[in-house]
Amino acid sequence: MIDLKKIQKDVFQNKTEKGFNTTDVNREFCFAYGELSEAYDAYRKKKDDLGEELADVAICLLGLSEMLGLDLEEEIAKKVAKNEKRKYENVDGVNIRIEE
């Protein structure tokens, strides 16, 4: 299993060492949006680099999480547990949350 906490630290260290943004949170959100757009474009056009583009999205989120002082691994685990408890009902082809 991978250690997201370590990777998050490594991503931020690489950003620092290479002179990438480590302070402007708004800019980093824009970068994340751009990376997700590139991943969608790769999917839509059936490009071979879809996996790499999705990795860029994850790397961007890990770097942003470190900038914000968040443990993304912990946040993901909490959100997965929360989602497992939710109950949904399919209404006309759309899942509607009926219980938290």
N, C-alpha and C. Protein backbone atom coordinates (compact mmCIF):
# COMPACT_ATOMS: atom_id res chain seq x y z
N MET A 1 0.84 -1.18 0.00
CA MET A 1 0.00 0.00 0.00
C MET A 1 0.89 1.24 0.00
N ILE A 2 0.46 2.27 -0.70
CA ILE A 2 1.26 3.49 -0.76
C ILE A 2 1.00 4.35 0.48
N ASP A 3 1.96 5.16 0.79
CA ASP A 3 1.89 6.06 1.94
C ASP A 3 1.61 7.47 1.42
N LEU A 4 0.34 7.85 1.37
CA LEU A 4 -0.03 9.17 0.85
C LEU A 4 0.58 10.30 1.66
N LYS A 5 0.72 10.10 2.97
CA LYS A 5 1.32 11.14 3.81
C LYS A 5 2.74 11.45 3.35
N LYS A 6 3.50 10.40 3.07
CA LYS A 6 4.87 10.58 2.60
C LYS A 6 4.88 11.21 1.21
N ILE A 7 4.04 10.71 0.32
CA ILE A 7 3.99 11.25 -1.03
C ILE A 7 3.59 12.73 -0.99
N GLN A 8 2.65 13.09 -0.12
CA GLN A 8 2.23 14.48 0.02
C GLN A 8 3.44 15.35 0.40
N LYS A 9 4.23 14.89 1.34
CA LYS A 9 5.44 15.62 1.76
C LYS A 9 6.44 15.69 0.60
N ASP A 10 6.62 14.57 -0.10
CA ASP A 10 7.56 14.52 -1.23
C ASP A 10 7.14 15.47 -2.35
N VAL A 11 5.84 15.51 -2.64
CA VAL A 11 5.33 16.41 -3.67
C VAL A 11 5.64 17.85 -3.31
N PHE A 12 5.38 18.22 -2.07
CA PHE A 12 5.64 19.60 -1.64
C PHE A 12 7.13 19.92 -1.66
N GLN A 13 7.95 18.97 -1.24
CA GLN A 13 9.40 19.19 -1.26
C GLN A 13 9.88 19.40 -2.69
N ASN A 14 9.37 18.62 -3.63
CA ASN A 14 9.73 18.78 -5.03
C ASN A 14 9.32 20.15 -5.55
N LYS A 15 8.10 20.58 -5.19
CA LYS A 15 7.63 21.91 -5.60
C LYS A 15 8.59 22.99 -5.09
N THR A 16 9.01 22.85 -3.84
CA THR A 16 9.91 23.82 -3.22
C THR A 16 11.27 23.81 -3.92
N GLU A 17 11.82 22.62 -4.10
CA GLU A 17 13.14 22.50 -4.71
C GLU A 17 13.18 22.99 -6.15
N LYS A 18 12.09 22.82 -6.89
CA LYS A 18 12.06 23.19 -8.30
C LYS A 18 11.54 24.62 -8.52
N GLY A 19 11.17 25.30 -7.44
CA GLY A 19 10.72 26.68 -7.55
C GLY A 19 9.28 26.87 -7.99
N PHE A 20 8.46 25.85 -7.81
CA PHE A 20 7.04 25.96 -8.15
C PHE A 20 6.28 26.67 -7.03
N ASN A 21 5.08 27.06 -7.32
CA ASN A 21 4.22 27.76 -6.36
C ASN A 21 4.03 26.93 -5.09
N THR A 22 4.25 27.56 -3.95
CA THR A 22 3.99 26.90 -2.67
C THR A 22 3.23 27.80 -1.71
N THR A 23 2.79 28.97 -2.19
CA THR A 23 2.14 29.92 -1.29
C THR A 23 0.79 30.43 -1.79
N ASP A 24 0.59 30.50 -3.09
CA ASP A 24 -0.64 31.09 -3.64
C ASP A 24 -1.70 30.00 -3.83
N VAL A 25 -2.58 29.88 -2.84
CA VAL A 25 -3.60 28.82 -2.84
C VAL A 25 -4.57 28.99 -4.01
N ASN A 26 -4.98 30.20 -4.29
CA ASN A 26 -5.91 30.43 -5.41
C ASN A 26 -5.31 29.94 -6.73
N ARG A 27 -4.05 30.24 -6.93
CA ARG A 27 -3.36 29.81 -8.14
C ARG A 27 -3.31 28.28 -8.21
N GLU A 28 -3.08 27.64 -7.08
CA GLU A 28 -3.00 26.19 -7.05
C GLU A 28 -4.34 25.54 -7.37
N PHE A 29 -5.44 26.14 -6.91
CA PHE A 29 -6.77 25.63 -7.29
C PHE A 29 -6.96 25.74 -8.80
N CYS A 30 -6.48 26.81 -9.40
CA CYS A 30 -6.57 26.97 -10.86
C CYS A 30 -5.74 25.90 -11.56
N PHE A 31 -4.55 25.61 -11.03
CA PHE A 31 -3.72 24.55 -11.61
C PHE A 31 -4.45 23.20 -11.53
N ALA A 32 -5.10 22.93 -10.41
CA ALA A 32 -5.83 21.67 -10.24
C ALA A 32 -6.94 21.55 -11.28
N TYR A 33 -7.64 22.65 -11.50
CA TYR A 33 -8.70 22.67 -12.51
C TYR A 33 -8.11 22.39 -13.90
N GLY A 34 -6.97 23.01 -14.18
CA GLY A 34 -6.32 22.81 -15.47
C GLY A 34 -5.88 21.36 -15.66
N GLU A 35 -5.34 20.76 -14.61
CA GLU A 35 -4.91 19.36 -14.70
C GLU A 35 -6.09 18.43 -14.92
N LEU A 36 -7.20 18.70 -14.25
CA LEU A 36 -8.39 17.88 -14.44
C LEU A 36 -8.93 18.03 -15.86
N SER A 37 -8.86 19.23 -16.39
CA SER A 37 -9.27 19.47 -17.76
C SER A 37 -8.40 18.69 -18.74
N GLU A 38 -7.10 18.65 -18.50
CA GLU A 38 -6.20 17.88 -19.35
C GLU A 38 -6.52 16.39 -19.28
N ALA A 39 -6.85 15.90 -18.09
CA ALA A 39 -7.21 14.49 -17.94
C ALA A 39 -8.49 14.18 -18.70
N TYR A 40 -9.46 15.07 -18.60
CA TYR A 40 -10.71 14.84 -19.34
C TYR A 40 -10.46 14.85 -20.85
N ASP A 41 -9.62 15.77 -21.30
CA ASP A 41 -9.29 15.84 -22.72
C ASP A 41 -8.62 14.54 -23.18
N ALA A 42 -7.72 14.01 -22.37
CA ALA A 42 -7.06 12.75 -22.72
C ALA A 42 -8.08 11.61 -22.78
N TYR A 43 -9.03 11.60 -21.86
CA TYR A 43 -10.08 10.58 -21.87
C TYR A 43 -10.96 10.71 -23.11
N ARG A 44 -11.39 11.93 -23.35
CA ARG A 44 -12.31 12.20 -24.46
C ARG A 44 -11.68 11.85 -25.81
N LYS A 45 -10.39 12.14 -25.95
CA LYS A 45 -9.69 11.89 -27.21
C LYS A 45 -8.99 10.54 -27.24
N LYS A 46 -9.24 9.73 -26.20
CA LYS A 46 -8.66 8.39 -26.11
C LYS A 46 -7.13 8.41 -26.26
N LYS A 47 -6.50 9.36 -25.59
CA LYS A 47 -5.04 9.48 -25.64
C LYS A 47 -4.40 8.45 -24.71
N ASP A 48 -3.17 8.12 -25.01
CA ASP A 48 -2.43 7.13 -24.22
C ASP A 48 -1.98 7.66 -22.86
N ASP A 49 -2.01 8.96 -22.66
CA ASP A 49 -1.47 9.54 -21.43
C ASP A 49 -2.52 9.85 -20.37
N LEU A 50 -3.68 9.20 -20.46
CA LEU A 50 -4.74 9.44 -19.48
C LEU A 50 -4.27 9.16 -18.06
N GLY A 51 -3.58 8.05 -17.85
CA GLY A 51 -3.09 7.72 -16.52
C GLY A 51 -2.14 8.78 -15.98
N GLU A 52 -1.25 9.26 -16.83
CA GLU A 52 -0.31 10.30 -16.42
C GLU A 52 -1.06 11.59 -16.07
N GLU A 53 -2.07 11.91 -16.84
CA GLU A 53 -2.85 13.13 -16.56
C GLU A 53 -3.61 13.00 -15.23
N LEU A 54 -4.17 11.83 -14.96
CA LEU A 54 -4.84 11.62 -13.68
C LEU A 54 -3.83 11.69 -12.53
N ALA A 55 -2.62 11.19 -12.76
CA ALA A 55 -1.57 11.30 -11.75
C ALA A 55 -1.25 12.77 -11.48
N ASP A 56 -1.23 13.59 -12.53
CA ASP A 56 -1.00 15.03 -12.35
C ASP A 56 -2.07 15.66 -11.47
N VAL A 57 -3.32 15.23 -11.65
CA VAL A 57 -4.42 15.74 -10.82
C VAL A 57 -4.16 15.38 -9.36
N ALA A 58 -3.81 14.12 -9.11
CA ALA A 58 -3.56 13.67 -7.74
C ALA A 58 -2.37 14.41 -7.13
N ILE A 59 -1.31 14.58 -7.90
CA ILE A 59 -0.13 15.29 -7.42
C ILE A 59 -0.47 16.73 -7.07
N CYS A 60 -1.27 17.36 -7.91
CA CYS A 60 -1.69 18.73 -7.65
C CYS A 60 -2.49 18.81 -6.35
N LEU A 61 -3.40 17.88 -6.14
CA LEU A 61 -4.20 17.86 -4.92
C LEU A 61 -3.35 17.60 -3.68
N LEU A 62 -2.37 16.73 -3.82
CA LEU A 62 -1.47 16.45 -2.69
C LEU A 62 -0.66 17.70 -2.33
N GLY A 63 -0.16 18.38 -3.33
CA GLY A 63 0.60 19.61 -3.08
C GLY A 63 -0.26 20.69 -2.44
N LEU A 64 -1.47 20.84 -2.95
CA LEU A 64 -2.41 21.82 -2.40
C LEU A 64 -2.76 21.48 -0.95
N SER A 65 -2.96 20.21 -0.68
CA SER A 65 -3.27 19.77 0.68
C SER A 65 -2.14 20.12 1.64
N GLU A 66 -0.92 19.91 1.20
CA GLU A 66 0.23 20.25 2.05
C GLU A 66 0.30 21.76 2.27
N MET A 67 0.02 22.54 1.23
CA MET A 67 0.00 23.99 1.38
C MET A 67 -1.02 24.43 2.43
N LEU A 68 -2.15 23.73 2.47
CA LEU A 68 -3.24 24.09 3.37
C LEU A 68 -3.12 23.43 4.75
N GLY A 69 -2.11 22.59 4.93
CA GLY A 69 -1.92 21.92 6.21
C GLY A 69 -2.92 20.81 6.46
N LEU A 70 -3.42 20.21 5.39
CA LEU A 70 -4.38 19.11 5.50
C LEU A 70 -3.70 17.78 5.21
N ASP A 71 -4.09 16.75 5.92
CA ASP A 71 -3.61 15.39 5.67
C ASP A 71 -4.62 14.75 4.72
N LEU A 72 -4.29 14.74 3.41
CA LEU A 72 -5.25 14.26 2.42
C LEU A 72 -5.59 12.79 2.62
N GLU A 73 -4.63 11.99 3.04
CA GLU A 73 -4.90 10.57 3.31
C GLU A 73 -5.99 10.44 4.37
N GLU A 74 -5.86 11.19 5.45
CA GLU A 74 -6.85 11.16 6.53
C GLU A 74 -8.21 11.67 6.05
N GLU A 75 -8.20 12.73 5.27
CA GLU A 75 -9.45 13.30 4.76
C GLU A 75 -10.17 12.33 3.83
N ILE A 76 -9.41 11.64 3.01
CA ILE A 76 -10.00 10.65 2.10
C ILE A 76 -10.62 9.51 2.90
N ALA A 77 -9.90 9.02 3.88
CA ALA A 77 -10.41 7.92 4.71
C ALA A 77 -11.71 8.32 5.41
N LYS A 78 -11.76 9.54 5.95
CA LYS A 78 -12.98 10.02 6.62
C LYS A 78 -14.14 10.13 5.63
N LYS A 79 -13.85 10.62 4.43
CA LYS A 79 -14.91 10.81 3.43
C LYS A 79 -15.44 9.47 2.92
N VAL A 80 -14.54 8.50 2.72
CA VAL A 80 -14.96 7.17 2.28
C VAL A 80 -15.88 6.54 3.33
N ALA A 81 -15.50 6.67 4.60
CA ALA A 81 -16.33 6.12 5.68
C ALA A 81 -17.69 6.80 5.72
N LYS A 82 -17.71 8.11 5.52
CA LYS A 82 -18.97 8.86 5.51
C LYS A 82 -19.85 8.41 4.34
N ASN A 83 -19.24 8.26 3.17
CA ASN A 83 -20.00 7.85 1.99
C ASN A 83 -20.57 6.44 2.14
N GLU A 84 -19.85 5.56 2.83
CA GLU A 84 -20.33 4.18 3.02
C GLU A 84 -21.61 4.15 3.85
N LYS A 85 -21.80 5.12 4.73
CA LYS A 85 -22.97 5.15 5.60
C LYS A 85 -24.19 5.78 4.93
N ARG A 86 -23.98 6.52 3.88
CA ARG A 86 -25.09 7.20 3.21
C ARG A 86 -25.96 6.20 2.47
N LYS A 87 -27.25 6.52 2.41
CA LYS A 87 -28.20 5.69 1.68
C LYS A 87 -28.83 6.54 0.57
N TYR A 88 -29.02 5.89 -0.58
CA TYR A 88 -29.55 6.58 -1.75
C TYR A 88 -30.75 5.83 -2.30
N GLU A 89 -31.56 6.56 -3.00
CA GLU A 89 -32.70 5.97 -3.72
C GLU A 89 -32.62 6.46 -5.15
N ASN A 90 -32.82 5.55 -6.08
CA ASN A 90 -32.79 5.91 -7.49
C ASN A 90 -34.16 6.40 -7.90
N VAL A 91 -34.24 7.67 -8.29
CA VAL A 91 -35.49 8.28 -8.73
C VAL A 91 -35.29 8.76 -10.17
N ASP A 92 -36.01 8.09 -11.08
CA ASP A 92 -35.92 8.44 -12.51
C ASP A 92 -34.49 8.46 -13.01
N GLY A 93 -33.69 7.48 -12.60
CA GLY A 93 -32.32 7.36 -13.09
C GLY A 93 -31.31 8.22 -12.37
N VAL A 94 -31.72 8.90 -11.30
CA VAL A 94 -30.81 9.77 -10.56
C VAL A 94 -30.77 9.30 -9.10
N ASN A 95 -29.57 9.11 -8.57
CA ASN A 95 -29.44 8.74 -7.17
C ASN A 95 -29.66 9.96 -6.29
N ILE A 96 -30.64 9.85 -5.40
CA ILE A 96 -30.98 10.91 -4.46
C ILE A 96 -30.63 10.42 -3.06
N ARG A 97 -29.84 11.22 -2.33
CA ARG A 97 -29.47 10.83 -0.96
C ARG A 97 -30.71 10.93 -0.08
N ILE A 98 -30.99 9.83 0.63
CA ILE A 98 -32.17 9.82 1.49
C ILE A 98 -31.80 9.74 2.96
N GLU A 99 -30.52 9.39 3.24
CA GLU A 99 -30.09 9.27 4.63
C GLU A 99 -28.60 9.53 4.71
N GLU A 100 -28.22 10.32 5.71
CA GLU A 100 -26.81 10.69 5.93
C GLU A 100 -26.05 9.59 6.59
